[in-house]
Amino acid sequence: MEHVYELAIIGAGPAGIATAIESYALGMRDIVVLEKDENHNATIRKFYKDNKRVDKDWKGQKVELDGSIYFMDGTKESTLDFFDQLLDNEAVELKTHTEVQKIVKIKEGFEVFIAGGSVRAKYVVVTIGRMGKPNKPDYKIPPSIKNQIHYTLDGCSHGEKVMVVGGGDSAIEYAVELCVRNDVTICYRRGTFRRANPTNQADIYKVMVESSLRAMLNTEIVELESESGKVKVIFSDGESELFDRLVYAIGGTTPSGFLQSSGIREEDGKPVHDENYQTNVEGLFVAGDITQESGGSIALGLNHGFAIANYIQSL
């Protein structure tokens, strides 16, 4: 007979790892974590610049940690090391390069379909993040310039004219880092950067005052075209400008198609769940960024994992 795990966790980010570690601490031993990328915390690896600050109280949210995992402020690198150590210290099975296609309720629990097969488990926790699917603009991106359009700093070079689109923490960090060796403009549809944390606000206003970076605030992009090997950006006022490349940092979206195929209801762009993070499907839980309005809080994700582990232990 096919093996049935006690617990299958989809996504090896903070919430997924916390659910596994807290469940193990409570006596559960047959746990598998399924991760589509080559390593855990792919969002931090891909979307956080090197040495980026990682705060426990993300965006000023004061979060008291409930479980056994003690997380504190650090950097991208120290945070990844922290989760490496957690996984190394516990006998939790991590399957990387394993993308989940859908979850189906069966008599024994759930069948989790992956490429080339499936995994069965009594309980399933979905902890996939929003940034695995970054938001893209509503207007069309012509195929001729697609290699000049980015959602991280990968592919960016030196000595280029670059536009960063967005006004949150990631957009500001990208713009500040790029402007050291590039001609950088940040384009944001609002008039201030108040969504960003205080440190990033101070950083961007500093480089703006020093004229190292140009800000186009209250500005909307309506169209992109290709012109002479450049990206032609057309604005809502009819003006246009050429850039070597654009970097979009405009957030991520909930993977609605996946949730729907697994029978999970959504409201206002988020999966419906109760106080224990159990969805409308009994035994199927959600945790982490996917449950949050804007995502991003590692501490909240850790607490979600602790709450789920405790609830399952009580069943």
Protein backbone atom coordinates (compact mmCIF):
# COMPACT_ATOMS: atom_id res chain seq x y z
CA MET A 1 0.00 0.00 0.00
CA GLU A 2 1.12 3.57 -0.68
CA HIS A 3 2.67 5.32 2.28
CA VAL A 4 0.46 7.86 4.06
CA TYR A 5 2.26 10.66 5.88
CA GLU A 6 0.78 12.13 9.02
CA LEU A 7 1.40 15.62 7.70
CA ALA A 8 2.28 17.07 4.30
CA ILE A 9 3.30 20.72 4.10
CA ILE A 10 3.31 22.56 0.80
CA GLY A 11 5.96 25.27 0.76
CA ALA A 12 9.25 25.46 2.65
CA GLY A 13 9.09 29.08 3.78
CA PRO A 14 8.99 30.26 7.40
CA ALA A 15 5.39 29.13 8.01
CA GLY A 16 5.97 25.73 6.41
CA ILE A 17 9.17 25.06 8.30
CA ALA A 18 7.59 26.26 11.55
CA THR A 19 4.62 23.94 11.08
CA ALA A 20 6.99 21.02 10.56
CA ILE A 21 9.28 21.87 13.51
CA GLU A 22 6.44 22.58 15.95
CA SER A 23 4.60 19.40 14.89
CA TYR A 24 7.80 17.39 15.40
CA ALA A 25 8.25 18.95 18.84
CA LEU A 26 4.76 17.77 19.76
CA GLY A 27 5.56 14.18 18.82
CA MET A 28 4.61 13.90 15.16
CA ARG A 29 7.29 12.01 13.24
CA ASP A 30 6.00 11.28 9.75
CA ILE A 31 6.22 14.73 8.14
CA VAL A 32 7.08 15.75 4.58
CA VAL A 33 7.66 19.27 3.26
CA LEU A 34 7.14 19.73 -0.48
CA GLU A 35 9.00 22.65 -2.10
CA LYS A 36 8.91 23.50 -5.81
CA ASP A 37 12.26 25.34 -5.79
CA GLU A 38 15.72 23.94 -5.20
CA ASN A 39 15.90 25.01 -1.55
CA HIS A 40 13.81 26.31 1.31
CA ASN A 41 12.80 29.99 1.59
CA ALA A 42 12.96 30.63 -2.16
CA THR A 43 11.22 34.00 -1.78
CA ILE A 44 13.93 35.29 0.56
CA ARG A 45 16.64 33.94 -1.74
CA LYS A 46 15.16 35.47 -4.91
CA PHE A 47 13.52 38.70 -3.81
CA TYR A 48 15.73 39.89 -0.94
CA LYS A 49 18.95 41.65 -1.89
CA ASP A 50 22.19 40.52 -0.20
CA ASN A 51 22.52 41.77 3.38
CA LYS A 52 18.91 42.99 3.41
CA ARG A 53 17.62 43.62 6.92
CA VAL A 54 15.08 41.07 8.11
CA ASP A 55 13.10 42.31 11.11
CA LYS A 56 10.96 40.21 13.43
CA ASP A 57 8.54 43.12 13.74
CA TRP A 58 7.96 43.50 10.00
CA LYS A 59 6.60 46.91 8.98
CA GLY A 60 6.38 47.81 12.67
CA GLN A 61 4.01 44.94 13.56
CA LYS A 62 4.84 43.93 17.12
CA VAL A 63 4.52 40.16 17.21
CA GLU A 64 5.10 38.02 20.30
CA LEU A 65 6.31 34.59 19.27
CA ASP A 66 4.09 31.79 20.60
CA GLY A 67 6.06 28.66 19.83
CA SER A 68 9.43 27.07 20.47
CA ILE A 69 11.22 28.82 17.57
CA TYR A 70 13.13 31.89 18.72
CA PHE A 71 13.52 34.23 15.76
CA MET A 72 15.15 37.65 15.99
CA ASP A 73 16.25 40.51 13.73
CA GLY A 74 19.02 39.76 11.27
CA THR A 75 19.92 39.81 7.59
CA LYS A 76 18.97 37.75 4.58
CA GLU A 77 22.01 35.54 5.15
CA SER A 78 21.54 35.05 8.91
CA THR A 79 17.85 34.27 8.39
CA LEU A 80 18.62 31.57 5.82
CA ASP A 81 21.27 30.14 8.17
CA PHE A 82 18.68 30.12 10.97
CA PHE A 83 16.24 28.03 8.94
CA ASP A 84 19.07 25.75 7.74
CA GLN A 85 19.83 24.96 11.38
CA LEU A 86 16.19 24.30 12.21
CA LEU A 87 15.90 21.77 9.40
CA ASP A 88 19.26 20.18 10.21
CA ASN A 89 18.28 19.66 13.86
CA GLU A 90 15.01 17.83 13.20
CA ALA A 91 14.19 14.69 11.23
CA VAL A 92 11.86 16.39 8.77
CA GLU A 93 11.79 15.17 5.18
CA LEU A 94 12.23 18.00 2.66
CA LYS A 95 11.46 17.22 -0.97
CA THR A 96 12.70 19.99 -3.26
CA HIS A 97 11.99 20.44 -6.98
CA THR A 98 8.49 19.15 -6.17
CA GLU A 99 5.69 21.32 -7.49
CA VAL A 100 2.21 20.53 -6.23
CA GLN A 101 -0.54 20.61 -8.84
CA LYS A 102 -3.65 20.10 -6.70
CA ILE A 103 -4.94 18.57 -3.48
CA VAL A 104 -7.79 16.08 -3.45
CA LYS A 105 -9.74 14.94 -0.37
CA ILE A 106 -9.81 11.13 -0.07
CA LYS A 107 -10.99 8.66 2.56
CA GLU A 108 -7.60 8.39 4.30
CA GLY A 109 -7.02 12.14 4.26
CA PHE A 110 -5.61 13.80 1.14
CA GLU A 111 -3.86 12.96 -2.08
CA VAL A 112 -1.41 15.68 -3.09
CA PHE A 113 -0.70 15.50 -6.81
CA ILE A 114 2.80 16.35 -7.99
CA ALA A 115 4.54 15.95 -11.35
CA GLY A 116 4.80 12.24 -12.07
CA GLY A 117 2.86 11.01 -9.06
CA SER A 118 1.26 11.90 -5.76
CA VAL A 119 1.80 12.00 -2.00
CA ARG A 120 -0.80 10.95 0.55
CA ALA A 121 -1.20 12.49 3.98
CA LYS A 122 -3.69 12.60 6.83
CA TYR A 123 -3.39 16.40 7.12
CA VAL A 124 -2.14 19.02 4.65
CA VAL A 125 -0.94 22.58 5.28
CA VAL A 126 -0.59 25.03 2.37
CA THR A 127 2.08 27.66 3.05
CA ILE A 128 2.88 28.89 -0.44
CA GLY A 129 3.72 32.59 -0.62
CA ARG A 130 2.40 35.38 -2.78
CA MET A 131 5.79 36.38 -4.19
CA GLY A 132 6.16 33.04 -5.92
CA LYS A 133 3.85 34.70 -8.43
CA PRO A 134 4.86 38.38 -8.58
CA ASN A 135 2.30 40.89 -9.78
CA LYS A 136 2.65 41.97 -13.38
CA PRO A 137 1.33 45.19 -14.91
CA ASP A 138 -2.09 45.32 -16.51
CA TYR A 139 -0.72 46.66 -19.80
CA LYS A 140 0.91 44.40 -22.35
CA ILE A 141 4.66 43.76 -22.36
CA PRO A 142 5.80 43.42 -26.01
CA PRO A 143 7.78 40.19 -26.61
CA SER A 144 10.64 42.17 -28.15
CA ILE A 145 11.50 43.75 -24.77
CA LYS A 146 10.63 40.91 -22.38
CA ASN A 147 14.32 40.28 -21.60
CA GLN A 148 14.58 43.89 -20.41
CA ILE A 149 11.69 43.50 -17.94
CA HIS A 150 12.50 42.08 -14.50
CA TYR A 151 10.87 41.36 -11.14
CA THR A 152 14.11 41.03 -9.17
CA LEU A 153 17.61 42.48 -9.60
CA ASP A 154 18.73 39.38 -11.49
CA GLY A 155 19.86 40.42 -14.94
CA CYS A 156 20.53 44.04 -14.03
CA SER A 157 23.94 45.37 -15.00
CA HIS A 158 26.02 48.53 -14.46
CA GLY A 159 25.93 51.83 -16.32
CA GLU A 160 22.34 51.46 -17.47
CA LYS A 161 19.31 53.69 -17.39
CA VAL A 162 16.82 51.78 -15.22
CA MET A 163 13.29 52.44 -14.03
CA VAL A 164 12.03 50.73 -10.87
CA VAL A 165 8.23 50.55 -10.67
CA GLY A 166 6.63 50.45 -7.22
CA GLY A 167 6.71 52.21 -3.87
CA GLY A 168 7.05 49.52 -1.23
CA ASP A 169 10.09 48.21 0.61
CA SER A 170 11.35 45.99 -2.22
CA ALA A 171 11.02 48.75 -4.83
CA ILE A 172 12.92 51.22 -2.64
CA GLU A 173 15.67 48.72 -1.84
CA TYR A 174 16.07 47.86 -5.52
CA ALA A 175 16.23 51.53 -6.51
CA VAL A 176 18.71 52.49 -3.78
CA GLU A 177 21.00 49.58 -4.62
CA LEU A 178 20.86 50.16 -8.38
CA CYS A 179 21.52 53.89 -8.22
CA VAL A 180 25.09 53.33 -7.00
CA ARG A 181 26.16 52.29 -10.52
CA ASN A 182 23.20 53.19 -12.72
CA ASP A 183 21.00 56.09 -13.77
CA VAL A 184 17.85 55.17 -11.82
CA THR A 185 14.29 56.49 -11.74
CA ILE A 186 11.63 55.14 -9.37
CA CYS A 187 8.07 55.44 -10.63
CA TYR A 188 5.21 55.24 -8.13
CA ARG A 189 1.53 55.96 -8.57
CA ARG A 190 1.19 57.55 -5.12
CA GLY A 191 2.65 60.79 -3.81
CA THR A 192 4.76 59.43 -0.93
CA PHE A 193 6.56 56.25 0.14
CA ARG A 194 4.58 55.87 3.37
CA ARG A 195 4.02 52.13 2.83
CA ALA A 196 7.73 51.48 3.33
CA ASN A 197 9.45 50.96 6.67
CA PRO A 198 11.16 54.00 8.26
CA THR A 199 14.67 52.85 7.35
CA ASN A 200 13.83 52.50 3.68
CA GLN A 201 12.00 55.83 3.67
CA ALA A 202 15.09 57.51 5.08
CA ASP A 203 17.34 55.76 2.56
CA ILE A 204 15.37 56.80 -0.49
CA TYR A 205 14.85 60.40 0.58
CA LYS A 206 18.60 60.63 1.22
CA VAL A 207 19.54 59.55 -2.32
CA MET A 208 16.80 61.76 -3.75
CA VAL A 209 18.27 64.80 -1.95
CA GLU A 210 21.74 63.84 -3.17
CA SER A 211 20.33 63.66 -6.73
CA SER A 212 21.52 60.05 -7.01
CA LEU A 213 18.00 58.94 -7.86
CA ARG A 214 15.01 60.55 -9.57
CA ALA A 215 11.50 59.93 -8.25
CA MET A 216 8.41 60.17 -10.45
CA LEU A 217 5.57 60.24 -7.93
CA ASN A 218 1.83 60.40 -8.70
CA THR A 219 2.77 58.87 -12.04
CA GLU A 220 1.00 56.08 -13.91
CA ILE A 221 2.44 53.99 -16.74
CA VAL A 222 -0.13 53.10 -19.42
CA GLU A 223 1.92 51.38 -22.10
CA LEU A 224 5.31 49.93 -23.03
CA GLU A 225 6.82 49.87 -26.52
CA SER A 226 10.11 48.87 -28.08
CA GLU A 227 12.16 51.64 -29.67
CA SER A 228 15.75 51.38 -30.90
CA GLY A 229 16.49 48.46 -28.59
CA LYS A 230 15.17 50.36 -25.56
CA VAL A 231 12.01 50.15 -23.48
CA LYS A 232 9.75 53.10 -24.30
CA VAL A 233 7.62 53.93 -21.27
CA ILE A 234 4.45 55.88 -22.01
CA PHE A 235 2.80 57.71 -19.11
CA SER A 236 -0.82 58.68 -18.51
CA ASP A 237 -0.11 62.35 -19.35
CA GLY A 238 1.05 61.35 -22.83
CA GLU A 239 4.76 61.86 -22.13
CA SER A 240 7.27 59.05 -22.77
CA GLU A 241 10.88 58.14 -21.97
CA LEU A 242 13.38 55.47 -23.00
CA PHE A 243 15.06 53.09 -20.52
CA ASP A 244 17.50 50.19 -20.85
CA ARG A 245 15.36 48.07 -18.55
CA LEU A 246 12.48 48.12 -16.05
CA VAL A 247 12.27 46.38 -12.67
CA TYR A 248 8.76 45.80 -11.29
CA ALA A 249 8.31 45.47 -7.52
CA ILE A 250 4.56 45.68 -7.19
CA GLY A 251 3.82 42.78 -4.87
CA GLY A 252 2.46 39.31 -5.45
CA THR A 253 -0.89 37.62 -5.87
CA THR A 254 -2.68 34.74 -4.20
CA PRO A 255 -2.55 31.62 -6.43
CA SER A 256 -6.33 31.49 -6.79
CA GLY A 257 -6.37 28.76 -9.44
CA PHE A 258 -4.50 26.35 -7.21
CA LEU A 259 -6.73 27.09 -4.21
CA GLN A 260 -9.90 26.63 -6.25
CA SER A 261 -8.72 23.33 -7.73
CA SER A 262 -8.13 22.10 -4.18
CA GLY A 263 -11.61 23.13 -3.02
CA ILE A 264 -10.44 26.04 -0.83
CA ARG A 265 -12.83 29.00 -0.79
CA GLU A 266 -11.55 32.56 -1.10
CA GLU A 267 -12.93 35.90 0.02
CA ASP A 268 -11.35 39.28 -0.78
CA GLY A 269 -8.35 37.60 -2.39
CA LYS A 270 -7.50 35.42 0.61
CA PRO A 271 -8.33 31.80 1.50
CA VAL A 272 -11.13 31.42 4.05
CA HIS A 273 -10.03 29.82 7.31
CA ASP A 274 -11.06 29.58 10.95
CA GLU A 275 -9.12 30.60 14.08
CA ASN A 276 -7.00 27.43 13.74
CA TYR A 277 -6.17 28.23 10.08
CA GLN A 278 -8.29 25.30 8.91
CA THR A 279 -10.03 25.97 5.59
CA ASN A 280 -13.54 24.97 4.59
CA VAL A 281 -12.02 21.56 3.79
CA GLU A 282 -11.61 19.65 7.06
CA GLY A 283 -7.98 18.70 7.66
CA LEU A 284 -6.65 21.18 5.09
CA PHE A 285 -4.93 24.27 6.51
CA VAL A 286 -3.35 27.48 5.24
CA ALA A 287 -0.56 29.53 6.83
CA GLY A 288 1.92 32.31 6.19
CA ASP A 289 1.88 35.00 3.49
CA ILE A 290 -1.10 33.53 1.70
CA THR A 291 -3.36 34.38 4.67
CA GLN A 292 -2.09 37.94 5.11
CA GLU A 293 -3.24 41.15 3.48
CA SER A 294 0.18 42.04 2.12
CA GLY A 295 2.33 39.15 3.35
CA GLY A 296 5.90 39.37 4.55
CA SER A 297 5.83 38.82 8.32
CA ILE A 298 8.08 35.89 9.25
CA ALA A 299 7.02 36.09 12.90
CA LEU A 300 3.33 35.76 12.01
CA GLY A 301 4.15 32.78 9.80
CA LEU A 302 5.97 31.10 12.70
CA ASN A 303 2.95 31.66 14.94
CA HIS A 304 0.62 30.20 12.30
CA GLY A 305 2.74 27.04 12.23
CA PHE A 306 2.64 26.77 16.02
CA ALA A 307 -1.14 27.22 16.12
CA ILE A 308 -1.75 24.59 13.44
CA ALA A 309 0.60 22.08 15.06
CA ASN A 310 -1.16 22.47 18.40
CA TYR A 311 -4.61 22.13 16.86
CA ILE A 312 -3.73 18.97 14.94
CA GLN A 313 -2.17 17.50 18.10
CA SER A 314 -5.49 18.09 19.92
CA LEU A 315 -7.57 16.18 17.36
